[in-house]
Amino acid sequence: MSTSELIFLDGRLLIMFCTVAEELHFGRAAARLFMTQPPLTQQIKRLESIVGVPLFVRTTRSVKLTPAGEVMYERARKITADTQLMLRQARRAARGETGALVIGITPSAAGSPLVSALSHYRDAHPEVRIDLREMNTVEMEAALRTRVVDVALMRPHALDADIRMEVVHEEPLRAALRHDHALANQRDVSLEELSAYPLVGYRHDISPYFRHLIQGLFARAQLKPQIAQESVIPTLLTLIEAGAGPAIVPQSLSRMRADSLRFLPLRGLQGEKAQIVLAALRDQANPAVDGFRAALAQPGNRR
């Protein structure tokens, strides 16, 4: 068979042949294929012409496969099955239902409700291999540009326009204090009360988002905090526990160190929120990113 003949041996023609071979009746085969019998008969004759040998023995009472037809049917059945599998897998890959997804995640995001959404995404997409890479927000831009990660769950950070960012979670701020701190027995605490004590702050080179956020809170209240030491999440909690002073943290951290720390609402600052964004290159080509983005957008993830 020449190359030109193979071009005409398309998938539809093989499906017609296999259907007739299974039914051994042109009328029933035509009904299964949602077509009339004459065009089906013409297509089978065309196939026999391409192959160069008869594939069916036809009588007025029956239709049977020739020995050549039996060989053809055995191979054609495998080809059509493989073709259908190929098409299904290609379509699933295009929808982001298979493949791999590398996610960069900051330590503070790792303690948020987004982890639950990530778990639901994994359950709903078992054929997507998920690789989580923990890194701080400052490292995320380089990781995205070098395509070390496909997508990042990070705190807001100034990035160029070729990286798309969207808020996927917001959470209140809390004052984190040791259980034996003088303010720990209150229902809530004000910035003015906190400013009377040495505080643990955030390092500008690793946690610029939280450093800027906390500085802004005190500046708008016309207060100057006493920053005794600067750190990063989650080490910051260890310093609080060790007596270095209270700190202002995202609410999700209240799940940690509940035995030794108290996490109090900030009086008068209920509207202040810490954000987590999903960031990805605008020209990234991994379709799994869109599926992951949709999963995070489900109700309940932006609390």
C-alpha atoms as a PDB file:
ATOM      1  CA  MET A   1       0.000   0.000   0.000  1.00  0.00           C
ATOM      2  CA  SER A   2       1.420   3.388  -0.994  1.00  0.00           C
ATOM      3  CA  THR A   3       1.594   6.495   1.157  1.00  0.00           C
ATOM      4  CA  SER A   4      -1.207   8.084  -0.847  1.00  0.00           C
ATOM      5  CA  GLU A   5      -3.417   5.062  -0.146  1.00  0.00           C
ATOM      6  CA  LEU A   6      -2.736   5.335   3.595  1.00  0.00           C
ATOM      7  CA  ILE A   7      -3.973   8.927   3.550  1.00  0.00           C
ATOM      8  CA  PHE A   8      -7.410   7.744   2.397  1.00  0.00           C
ATOM      9  CA  LEU A   9      -7.489   5.007   5.053  1.00  0.00           C
ATOM     10  CA  ASP A  10      -8.906   7.386   7.636  1.00  0.00           C
ATOM     11  CA  GLY A  11     -10.397   6.661  11.033  1.00  0.00           C
ATOM     12  CA  ARG A  12     -14.000   7.003   9.866  1.00  0.00           C
ATOM     13  CA  LEU A  13     -13.456   4.379   7.157  1.00  0.00           C
ATOM     14  CA  LEU A  14     -11.965   1.964   9.697  1.00  0.00           C
ATOM     15  CA  ILE A  15     -14.897   2.533  12.057  1.00  0.00           C
ATOM     16  CA  MET A  16     -17.316   1.681   9.225  1.00  0.00           C
ATOM     17  CA  PHE A  17     -15.373  -1.471   8.446  1.00  0.00           C
ATOM     18  CA  CYS A  18     -15.252  -2.587  12.095  1.00  0.00           C
ATOM     19  CA  THR A  19     -18.983  -1.959  12.529  1.00  0.00           C
ATOM     20  CA  VAL A  20     -19.846  -4.124   9.531  1.00  0.00           C
ATOM     21  CA  ALA A  21     -17.397  -6.798  10.745  1.00  0.00           C
ATOM     22  CA  GLU A  22     -19.109  -6.833  14.145  1.00  0.00           C
ATOM     23  CA  GLU A  23     -22.673  -6.870  12.844  1.00  0.00           C
ATOM     24  CA  LEU A  24     -22.051  -8.980   9.700  1.00  0.00           C
ATOM     25  CA  HIS A  25     -25.105  -7.192   8.370  1.00  0.00           C
ATOM     26  CA  PHE A  26     -24.970  -3.978   6.320  1.00  0.00           C
ATOM     27  CA  GLY A  27     -28.417  -2.776   7.384  1.00  0.00           C
ATOM     28  CA  ARG A  28     -27.734  -3.069  11.132  1.00  0.00           C
ATOM     29  CA  ALA A  29     -24.259  -1.600  10.692  1.00  0.00           C
ATOM     30  CA  ALA A  30     -25.695   1.387   8.804  1.00  0.00           C
ATOM     31  CA  ALA A  31     -28.233   1.971  11.594  1.00  0.00           C
ATOM     32  CA  ARG A  32     -25.453   1.947  14.221  1.00  0.00           C
ATOM     33  CA  LEU A  33     -23.531   4.488  12.160  1.00  0.00           C
ATOM     34  CA  PHE A  34     -26.617   6.712  11.662  1.00  0.00           C
ATOM     35  CA  MET A  35     -26.436   6.458   7.879  1.00  0.00           C
ATOM     36  CA  THR A  36     -28.243   4.641   5.099  1.00  0.00           C
ATOM     37  CA  GLN A  37     -27.037   1.336   3.676  1.00  0.00           C
ATOM     38  CA  PRO A  38     -26.021   2.373   0.105  1.00  0.00           C
ATOM     39  CA  PRO A  39     -23.343   4.902   1.180  1.00  0.00           C
ATOM     40  CA  LEU A  40     -21.971   2.359   3.671  1.00  0.00           C
ATOM     41  CA  THR A  41     -21.752  -0.291   0.966  1.00  0.00           C
ATOM     42  CA  GLN A  42     -19.915   2.172  -1.285  1.00  0.00           C
ATOM     43  CA  GLN A  43     -17.421   3.005   1.465  1.00  0.00           C
ATOM     44  CA  ILE A  44     -16.664  -0.680   2.107  1.00  0.00           C
ATOM     45  CA  LYS A  45     -16.096  -1.212  -1.626  1.00  0.00           C
ATOM     46  CA  ARG A  46     -13.766   1.789  -1.572  1.00  0.00           C
ATOM     47  CA  LEU A  47     -11.845   0.256   1.335  1.00  0.00           C
ATOM     48  CA  GLU A  48     -11.511  -3.050  -0.492  1.00  0.00           C
ATOM     49  CA  SER A  49     -10.221  -1.158  -3.503  1.00  0.00           C
ATOM     50  CA  ILE A  50      -7.573   0.570  -1.377  1.00  0.00           C
ATOM     51  CA  VAL A  51      -6.512  -2.688   0.295  1.00  0.00           C
ATOM     52  CA  GLY A  52      -6.606  -4.552  -3.000  1.00  0.00           C
ATOM     53  CA  VAL A  53      -8.445  -7.680  -1.767  1.00  0.00           C
ATOM     54  CA  PRO A  54     -12.021  -8.607  -0.801  1.00  0.00           C
ATOM     55  CA  LEU A  55     -12.734  -8.190   2.919  1.00  0.00           C
ATOM     56  CA  PHE A  56     -16.266  -9.643   2.992  1.00  0.00           C
ATOM     57  CA  VAL A  57     -18.043 -12.540   1.323  1.00  0.00           C
ATOM     58  CA  ARG A  58     -21.585 -11.377   0.549  1.00  0.00           C
ATOM     59  CA  THR A  59     -24.511 -13.567  -0.329  1.00  0.00           C
ATOM     60  CA  THR A  60     -28.221 -12.863  -0.359  1.00  0.00           C
ATOM     61  CA  ARG A  61     -28.466 -14.500   3.069  1.00  0.00           C
ATOM     62  CA  SER A  62     -25.250 -13.615   4.889  1.00  0.00           C
ATOM     63  CA  VAL A  63     -22.129 -11.508   5.177  1.00  0.00           C
ATOM     64  CA  LYS A  64     -18.849 -13.054   6.330  1.00  0.00           C
ATOM     65  CA  LEU A  65     -15.284 -11.863   6.710  1.00  0.00           C
ATOM     66  CA  THR A  66     -12.703 -13.249   4.315  1.00  0.00           C
ATOM     67  CA  PRO A  67      -9.390 -14.433   5.812  1.00  0.00           C
ATOM     68  CA  ALA A  68      -7.932 -11.070   4.773  1.00  0.00           C
ATOM     69  CA  GLY A  69     -10.931  -9.353   6.386  1.00  0.00           C
ATOM     70  CA  GLU A  70     -10.328 -11.212   9.657  1.00  0.00           C
ATOM     71  CA  VAL A  71      -6.722  -9.998   9.759  1.00  0.00           C
ATOM     72  CA  MET A  72      -7.860  -6.497   8.840  1.00  0.00           C
ATOM     73  CA  TYR A  73     -10.539  -6.501  11.549  1.00  0.00           C
ATOM     74  CA  GLU A  74      -8.135  -7.634  14.269  1.00  0.00           C
ATOM     75  CA  ARG A  75      -5.706  -4.821  13.454  1.00  0.00           C
ATOM     76  CA  ALA A  76      -8.345  -2.187  12.696  1.00  0.00           C
ATOM     77  CA  ARG A  77     -10.071  -2.781  16.031  1.00  0.00           C
ATOM     78  CA  LYS A  78      -6.813  -2.007  17.879  1.00  0.00           C
ATOM     79  CA  ILE A  79      -6.149   1.043  15.725  1.00  0.00           C
ATOM     80  CA  THR A  80      -9.603   2.532  16.310  1.00  0.00           C
ATOM     81  CA  ALA A  81      -9.407   1.841  20.049  1.00  0.00           C
ATOM     82  CA  ASP A  82      -5.975   3.497  20.228  1.00  0.00           C
ATOM     83  CA  THR A  83      -7.239   6.435  18.177  1.00  0.00           C
ATOM     84  CA  GLN A  84     -10.211   6.972  20.471  1.00  0.00           C
ATOM     85  CA  LEU A  85      -7.944   6.755  23.522  1.00  0.00           C
ATOM     86  CA  MET A  86      -5.535   9.219  21.917  1.00  0.00           C
ATOM     87  CA  LEU A  87      -8.343  11.699  21.259  1.00  0.00           C
ATOM     88  CA  ARG A  88      -9.728  11.390  24.791  1.00  0.00           C
ATOM     89  CA  GLN A  89      -6.289  11.884  26.335  1.00  0.00           C
ATOM     90  CA  ALA A  90      -5.477  14.830  24.058  1.00  0.00           C
ATOM     91  CA  ARG A  91      -8.766  16.541  24.971  1.00  0.00           C
ATOM     92  CA  ARG A  92      -8.224  15.894  28.687  1.00  0.00           C
ATOM     93  CA  ALA A  93      -4.699  17.312  28.464  1.00  0.00           C
ATOM     94  CA  ALA A  94      -6.085  20.426  26.738  1.00  0.00           C
ATOM     95  CA  ARG A  95      -8.591  20.812  29.606  1.00  0.00           C
ATOM     96  CA  GLY A  96      -5.795  20.479  32.180  1.00  0.00           C
ATOM     97  CA  GLU A  97      -7.073  17.152  33.505  1.00  0.00           C
ATOM     98  CA  THR A  98      -3.730  15.359  33.050  1.00  0.00           C
ATOM     99  CA  GLY A  99      -0.063  16.317  33.170  1.00  0.00           C
ATOM    100  CA  ALA A 100       1.888  18.056  35.914  1.00  0.00           C
ATOM    101  CA  LEU A 101       1.500  21.243  37.947  1.00  0.00           C
ATOM    102  CA  VAL A 102       4.347  22.758  39.983  1.00  0.00           C
ATOM    103  CA  ILE A 103       3.050  25.128  42.656  1.00  0.00           C
ATOM    104  CA  GLY A 104       5.176  27.551  44.631  1.00  0.00           C
ATOM    105  CA  ILE A 105       3.700  28.304  48.039  1.00  0.00           C
ATOM    106  CA  THR A 106       4.776  30.647  50.825  1.00  0.00           C
ATOM    107  CA  PRO A 107       4.901  29.322  54.415  1.00  0.00           C
ATOM    108  CA  SER A 108       2.062  31.637  55.480  1.00  0.00           C
ATOM    109  CA  ALA A 109      -0.153  30.473  52.585  1.00  0.00           C
ATOM    110  CA  ALA A 110       0.627  26.870  53.540  1.00  0.00           C
ATOM    111  CA  GLY A 111      -1.280  27.431  56.784  1.00  0.00           C
ATOM    112  CA  SER A 112      -4.337  29.006  55.155  1.00  0.00           C
ATOM    113  CA  PRO A 113      -7.672  27.469  54.059  1.00  0.00           C
ATOM    114  CA  LEU A 114      -6.243  27.354  50.519  1.00  0.00           C
ATOM    115  CA  VAL A 115      -4.584  24.087  51.512  1.00  0.00           C
ATOM    116  CA  SER A 116      -8.067  22.594  51.735  1.00  0.00           C
ATOM    117  CA  ALA A 117      -8.857  23.852  48.229  1.00  0.00           C
ATOM    118  CA  LEU A 118      -5.578  22.347  47.035  1.00  0.00           C
ATOM    119  CA  SER A 119      -6.584  19.002  48.516  1.00  0.00           C
ATOM    120  CA  HIS A 120      -9.975  19.160  46.758  1.00  0.00           C
ATOM    121  CA  TYR A 121      -8.248  19.998  43.474  1.00  0.00           C
ATOM    122  CA  ARG A 122      -5.933  17.001  43.890  1.00  0.00           C
ATOM    123  CA  ASP A 123      -8.905  14.694  44.551  1.00  0.00           C
ATOM    124  CA  ALA A 124     -10.776  16.048  41.502  1.00  0.00           C
ATOM    125  CA  HIS A 125      -7.721  15.771  39.213  1.00  0.00           C
ATOM    126  CA  PRO A 126      -5.997  12.505  40.183  1.00  0.00           C
ATOM    127  CA  GLU A 127      -4.070  12.377  36.902  1.00  0.00           C
ATOM    128  CA  VAL A 128      -2.406  15.754  37.443  1.00  0.00           C
ATOM    129  CA  ARG A 129       0.918  15.280  39.238  1.00  0.00           C
ATOM    130  CA  ILE A 130       1.229  18.073  41.820  1.00  0.00           C
ATOM    131  CA  ASP A 131       4.625  19.227  43.045  1.00  0.00           C
ATOM    132  CA  LEU A 132       4.607  21.768  45.910  1.00  0.00           C
ATOM    133  CA  ARG A 133       7.687  23.974  46.327  1.00  0.00           C
ATOM    134  CA  GLU A 134       7.859  26.031  49.521  1.00  0.00           C
ATOM    135  CA  MET A 135       9.597  29.398  49.059  1.00  0.00           C
ATOM    136  CA  ASN A 136       9.168  32.965  50.223  1.00  0.00           C
ATOM    137  CA  THR A 137       7.327  35.586  48.191  1.00  0.00           C
ATOM    138  CA  VAL A 138      10.499  37.391  47.109  1.00  0.00           C
ATOM    139  CA  GLU A 139      11.753  34.219  45.402  1.00  0.00           C
ATOM    140  CA  MET A 140       8.523  33.639  43.484  1.00  0.00           C
ATOM    141  CA  GLU A 141       9.116  36.033  40.581  1.00  0.00           C
ATOM    142  CA  ALA A 142      12.362  34.359  39.522  1.00  0.00           C
ATOM    143  CA  ALA A 143      10.806  30.919  39.950  1.00  0.00           C
ATOM    144  CA  LEU A 144       7.917  31.891  37.660  1.00  0.00           C
ATOM    145  CA  ARG A 145      10.154  33.480  35.014  1.00  0.00           C
ATOM    146  CA  THR A 146      12.519  30.492  34.869  1.00  0.00           C
ATOM    147  CA  ARG A 147       9.453  28.220  34.869  1.00  0.00           C
ATOM    148  CA  VAL A 148      10.661  26.376  37.949  1.00  0.00           C
ATOM    149  CA  VAL A 149       7.049  26.726  39.081  1.00  0.00           C
ATOM    150  CA  ASP A 150       3.898  27.028  36.952  1.00  0.00           C
ATOM    151  CA  VAL A 151       1.947  29.045  39.482  1.00  0.00           C
ATOM    152  CA  ALA A 152       2.590  30.683  42.840  1.00  0.00           C
ATOM    153  CA  LEU A 153       0.476  31.151  45.966  1.00  0.00           C
ATOM    154  CA  MET A 154       2.112  34.178  47.519  1.00  0.00           C
ATOM    155  CA  ARG A 155       1.578  37.424  49.359  1.00  0.00           C
ATOM    156  CA  PRO A 156       1.083  40.473  47.087  1.00  0.00           C
ATOM    157  CA  HIS A 157       4.339  41.738  45.629  1.00  0.00           C
ATOM    158  CA  ALA A 158       5.195  44.335  42.986  1.00  0.00           C
ATOM    159  CA  LEU A 159       5.650  42.417  39.713  1.00  0.00           C
ATOM    160  CA  ASP A 160       5.841  43.349  36.042  1.00  0.00           C
ATOM    161  CA  ALA A 161       2.710  43.225  33.889  1.00  0.00           C
ATOM    162  CA  ASP A 162       3.698  39.926  32.248  1.00  0.00           C
ATOM    163  CA  ILE A 163       2.852  38.154  35.502  1.00  0.00           C
ATOM    164  CA  ARG A 164      -0.848  37.992  36.247  1.00  0.00           C
ATOM    165  CA  MET A 165      -1.908  38.223  39.903  1.00  0.00           C
ATOM    166  CA  GLU A 166      -5.355  37.755  41.403  1.00  0.00           C
ATOM    167  CA  VAL A 167      -6.497  37.659  45.009  1.00  0.00           C
ATOM    168  CA  VAL A 168      -7.616  34.164  46.011  1.00  0.00           C
ATOM    169  CA  HIS A 169      -7.842  34.564  49.783  1.00  0.00           C
ATOM    170  CA  GLU A 170      -8.264  37.312  52.360  1.00  0.00           C
ATOM    171  CA  GLU A 171      -8.010  36.947  56.122  1.00  0.00           C
ATOM    172  CA  PRO A 172      -8.163  39.229  59.178  1.00  0.00           C
ATOM    173  CA  LEU A 173      -5.104  40.189  61.190  1.00  0.00           C
ATOM    174  CA  ARG A 174      -4.537  39.078  64.761  1.00  0.00           C
ATOM    175  CA  ALA A 175      -2.255  40.074  67.607  1.00  0.00           C
ATOM    176  CA  ALA A 176      -0.226  37.027  68.651  1.00  0.00           C
ATOM    177  CA  LEU A 177       0.849  37.015  72.322  1.00  0.00           C
ATOM    178  CA  ARG A 178       2.120  34.567  74.893  1.00  0.00           C
ATOM    179  CA  HIS A 179      -0.562  33.276  77.256  1.00  0.00           C
ATOM    180  CA  ASP A 180       1.154  35.059  80.158  1.00  0.00           C
ATOM    181  CA  HIS A 181       1.465  38.442  78.434  1.00  0.00           C
ATOM    182  CA  ALA A 182      -0.180  41.383  80.192  1.00  0.00           C
ATOM    183  CA  LEU A 183      -2.640  41.852  77.292  1.00  0.00           C
ATOM    184  CA  ALA A 184      -3.411  38.176  76.728  1.00  0.00           C
ATOM    185  CA  ASN A 185      -6.583  38.026  78.852  1.00  0.00           C
ATOM    186  CA  GLN A 186      -8.414  40.724  76.886  1.00  0.00           C
ATOM    187  CA  ARG A 187     -11.085  40.014  74.265  1.00  0.00           C
ATOM    188  CA  ASP A 188      -9.238  42.167  71.745  1.00  0.00           C
ATOM    189  CA  VAL A 189      -6.306  44.559  71.666  1.00  0.00           C
ATOM    190  CA  SER A 190      -5.624  47.975  70.115  1.00  0.00           C
ATOM    191  CA  LEU A 191      -2.559  49.186  68.242  1.00  0.00           C
ATOM    192  CA  GLU A 192      -2.044  51.776  70.971  1.00  0.00           C
ATOM    193  CA  GLU A 193      -1.868  49.026  73.611  1.00  0.00           C
ATOM    194  CA  LEU A 194       0.558  46.983  71.482  1.00  0.00           C
ATOM    195  CA  SER A 195       2.793  49.994  70.874  1.00  0.00           C
ATOM    196  CA  ALA A 196       3.553  50.131  74.603  1.00  0.00           C
ATOM    197  CA  TYR A 197       5.480  46.850  74.327  1.00  0.00           C
ATOM    198  CA  PRO A 198       8.463  45.634  72.295  1.00  0.00           C
ATOM    199  CA  LEU A 199       7.153  43.828  69.189  1.00  0.00           C
ATOM    200  CA  VAL A 200       8.422  41.249  66.744  1.00  0.00           C
ATOM    201  CA  GLY A 201       8.389  42.666  63.205  1.00  0.00           C
ATOM    202  CA  TYR A 202       9.065  41.372  59.696  1.00  0.00           C
ATOM    203  CA  ARG A 203      12.285  41.336  57.691  1.00  0.00           C
ATOM    204  CA  HIS A 204      12.110  43.673  54.709  1.00  0.00           C
ATOM    205  CA  ASP A 205      14.218  41.379  52.464  1.00  0.00           C
ATOM    206  CA  ILE A 206      12.030  38.275  52.933  1.00  0.00           C
ATOM    207  CA  SER A 207       8.623  39.535  54.122  1.00  0.00           C
ATOM    208  CA  PRO A 208       8.194  42.974  52.513  1.00  0.00           C
ATOM    209  CA  TYR A 209       4.426  42.566  52.256  1.00  0.00           C
ATOM    210  CA  PHE A 210       3.843  42.074  55.987  1.00  0.00           C
ATOM    211  CA  ARG A 211       6.477  44.673  56.917  1.00  0.00           C
ATOM    212  CA  HIS A 212       4.747  47.292  54.752  1.00  0.00           C
ATOM    213  CA  LEU A 213       1.277  46.224  55.952  1.00  0.00           C
ATOM    214  CA  ILE A 214       2.134  46.500  59.660  1.00  0.00           C
ATOM    215  CA  GLN A 215       4.043  49.745  59.240  1.00  0.00           C
ATOM    216  CA  GLY A 216       1.028  51.203  57.438  1.00  0.00           C
ATOM    217  CA  LEU A 217      -1.332  50.254  60.261  1.00  0.00           C
ATOM    218  CA  PHE A 218       0.748  52.056  62.877  1.00  0.00           C
ATOM    219  CA  ALA A 219       1.451  55.038  60.600  1.00  0.00           C
ATOM    220  CA  ARG A 220      -2.263  55.643  59.953  1.00  0.00           C
ATOM    221  CA  ALA A 221      -2.872  55.455  63.704  1.00  0.00           C
ATOM    222  CA  GLN A 222      -0.014  57.950  64.195  1.00  0.00           C
ATOM    223  CA  LEU A 223       1.849  55.472  66.379  1.00  0.00           C
ATOM    224  CA  LYS A 224       5.440  54.294  66.294  1.00  0.00           C
ATOM    225  CA  PRO A 225       5.902  50.608  67.202  1.00  0.00           C
ATOM    226  CA  GLN A 226       8.884  49.361  69.209  1.00  0.00           C
ATOM    227  CA  ILE A 227      10.337  46.648  66.981  1.00  0.00           C
ATOM    228  CA  ALA A 228      12.639  44.568  69.182  1.00  0.00           C
ATOM    229  CA  GLN A 229      13.456  41.941  66.562  1.00  0.00           C
ATOM    230  CA  GLU A 230      12.569  41.132  62.966  1.00  0.00           C
ATOM    231  CA  SER A 231      11.806  37.672  61.636  1.00  0.00           C
ATOM    232  CA  VAL A 232       9.726  35.678  59.136  1.00  0.00           C
ATOM    233  CA  ILE A 233       6.776  33.315  59.323  1.00  0.00           C
ATOM    234  CA  PRO A 234       6.741  30.763  60.964  1.00  0.00           C
ATOM    235  CA  THR A 235       9.942  31.479  62.956  1.00  0.00           C
ATOM    236  CA  LEU A 236       8.248  34.626  64.204  1.00  0.00           C
ATOM    237  CA  LEU A 237       5.924  32.498  66.340  1.00  0.00           C
ATOM    238  CA  THR A 238       8.911  30.901  68.064  1.00  0.00           C
ATOM    239  CA  LEU A 239      10.218  34.348  69.006  1.00  0.00           C
ATOM    240  CA  ILE A 240       6.836  35.319  70.453  1.00  0.00           C
ATOM    241  CA  GLU A 241       6.769  32.091  72.445  1.00  0.00           C
ATOM    242  CA  ALA A 242      10.324  32.777  73.657  1.00  0.00           C
ATOM    243  CA  GLY A 243       9.247  36.151  75.048  1.00  0.00           C
ATOM    244  CA  ALA A 244      10.629  38.526  72.408  1.00  0.00           C
ATOM    245  CA  GLY A 245       7.252  40.267  72.278  1.00  0.00           C
ATOM    246  CA  PRO A 246       3.864  40.171  70.518  1.00  0.00           C
ATOM    247  CA  ALA A 247       3.422  40.426  66.738  1.00  0.00           C
ATOM    248  CA  ILE A 248       0.649  41.125  64.273  1.00  0.00           C
ATOM    249  CA  VAL A 249       0.027  38.056  62.108  1.00  0.00           C
ATOM    250  CA  PRO A 250      -2.536  36.693  59.624  1.00  0.00           C
ATOM    251  CA  GLN A 251      -5.431  34.835  61.226  1.00  0.00           C
ATOM    252  CA  SER A 252      -4.448  31.515  59.616  1.00  0.00           C
ATOM    253  CA  LEU A 253      -1.459  31.332  61.972  1.00  0.00           C
ATOM    254  CA  SER A 254      -3.858  31.020  64.907  1.00  0.00           C
ATOM    255  CA  ARG A 255      -4.074  27.321  64.037  1.00  0.00           C
ATOM    256  CA  MET A 256      -0.489  26.999  65.265  1.00  0.00           C
ATOM    257  CA  ARG A 257       0.901  27.186  68.822  1.00  0.00           C
ATOM    258  CA  ALA A 258      -2.589  27.395  70.336  1.00  0.00           C
ATOM    259  CA  ASP A 259      -1.239  25.783  73.511  1.00  0.00           C
ATOM    260  CA  SER A 260       1.247  28.579  74.229  1.00  0.00           C
ATOM    261  CA  LEU A 261      -0.024  31.629  72.318  1.00  0.00           C
ATOM    262  CA  ARG A 262      -3.202  33.691  72.174  1.00  0.00           C
ATOM    263  CA  PHE A 263      -4.440  35.330  68.967  1.00  0.00           C
ATOM    264  CA  LEU A 264      -6.590  38.376  69.634  1.00  0.00           C
ATOM    265  CA  PRO A 265      -8.621  40.517  67.197  1.00  0.00           C
ATOM    266  CA  LEU A 266      -7.314  44.032  66.574  1.00  0.00           C
ATOM    267  CA  ARG A 267      -9.799  46.521  67.988  1.00  0.00           C
ATOM    268  CA  GLY A 268     -11.068  48.955  65.376  1.00  0.00           C
ATOM    269  CA  LEU A 269      -9.262  47.217  62.510  1.00  0.00           C
ATOM    270  CA  GLN A 270     -11.806  44.573  61.531  1.00  0.00           C
ATOM    271  CA  GLY A 271     -11.679  45.703  57.893  1.00  0.00           C
ATOM    272  CA  GLU A 272      -7.915  45.222  57.548  1.00  0.00           C
ATOM    273  CA  LYS A 273      -7.126  42.034  55.636  1.00  0.00           C
ATOM    274  CA  ALA A 274      -4.010  40.124  54.646  1.00  0.00           C
ATOM    275  CA  GLN A 275      -4.181  38.829  51.090  1.00  0.00           C
ATOM    276  CA  ILE A 276      -2.878  35.790  49.254  1.00  0.00           C
ATOM    277  CA  VAL A 277      -2.632  36.005  45.481  1.00  0.00           C
ATOM    278  CA  LEU A 278      -2.269  33.459  42.732  1.00  0.00           C
ATOM    279  CA  ALA A 279       0.458  34.503  40.298  1.00  0.00           C
ATOM    280  CA  ALA A 280       1.359  33.020  36.907  1.00  0.00           C
ATOM    281  CA  LEU A 281       3.037  34.169  33.712  1.00  0.00           C
ATOM    282  CA  ARG A 282       0.468  35.469  31.256  1.00  0.00           C
ATOM    283  CA  ASP A 283       2.049  33.404  28.480  1.00  0.00           C
ATOM    284  CA  GLN A 284       2.299  30.180  30.461  1.00  0.00           C
ATOM    285  CA  ALA A 285       1.030  27.240  28.416  1.00  0.00           C
ATOM    286  CA  ASN A 286       0.120  24.710  31.098  1.00  0.00           C
ATOM    287  CA  PRO A 287      -3.684  24.196  30.913  1.00  0.00           C
ATOM    288  CA  ALA A 288      -3.673  22.753  34.444  1.00  0.00           C
ATOM    289  CA  VAL A 289      -3.116  26.300  35.754  1.00  0.00           C
ATOM    290  CA  ASP A 290      -6.604  27.354  34.627  1.00  0.00           C
ATOM    291  CA  GLY A 291      -8.164  24.357  36.359  1.00  0.00           C
ATOM    292  CA  PHE A 292      -6.271  25.159  39.542  1.00  0.00           C
ATOM    293  CA  ARG A 293      -7.316  28.808  39.323  1.00  0.00           C
ATOM    294  CA  ALA A 294     -10.956  27.758  38.949  1.00  0.00           C
ATOM    295  CA  ALA A 295     -10.688  25.454  41.979  1.00  0.00           C
ATOM    296  CA  LEU A 296      -9.403  28.297  44.168  1.00  0.00           C
ATOM    297  CA  ALA A 297     -12.239  30.526  42.971  1.00  0.00           C
ATOM    298  CA  GLN A 298     -14.868  28.205  44.464  1.00  0.00           C
ATOM    299  CA  PRO A 299     -17.077  29.754  47.206  1.00  0.00           C
ATOM    300  CA  GLY A 300     -15.432  29.755  50.613  1.00  0.00           C
ATOM    301  CA  ASN A 301     -11.851  30.293  49.481  1.00  0.00           C
ATOM    302  CA  ARG A 302     -12.009  34.092  49.694  1.00  0.00           C
ATOM    303  CA  ARG A 303     -13.026  34.305  53.335  1.00  0.00           C
END
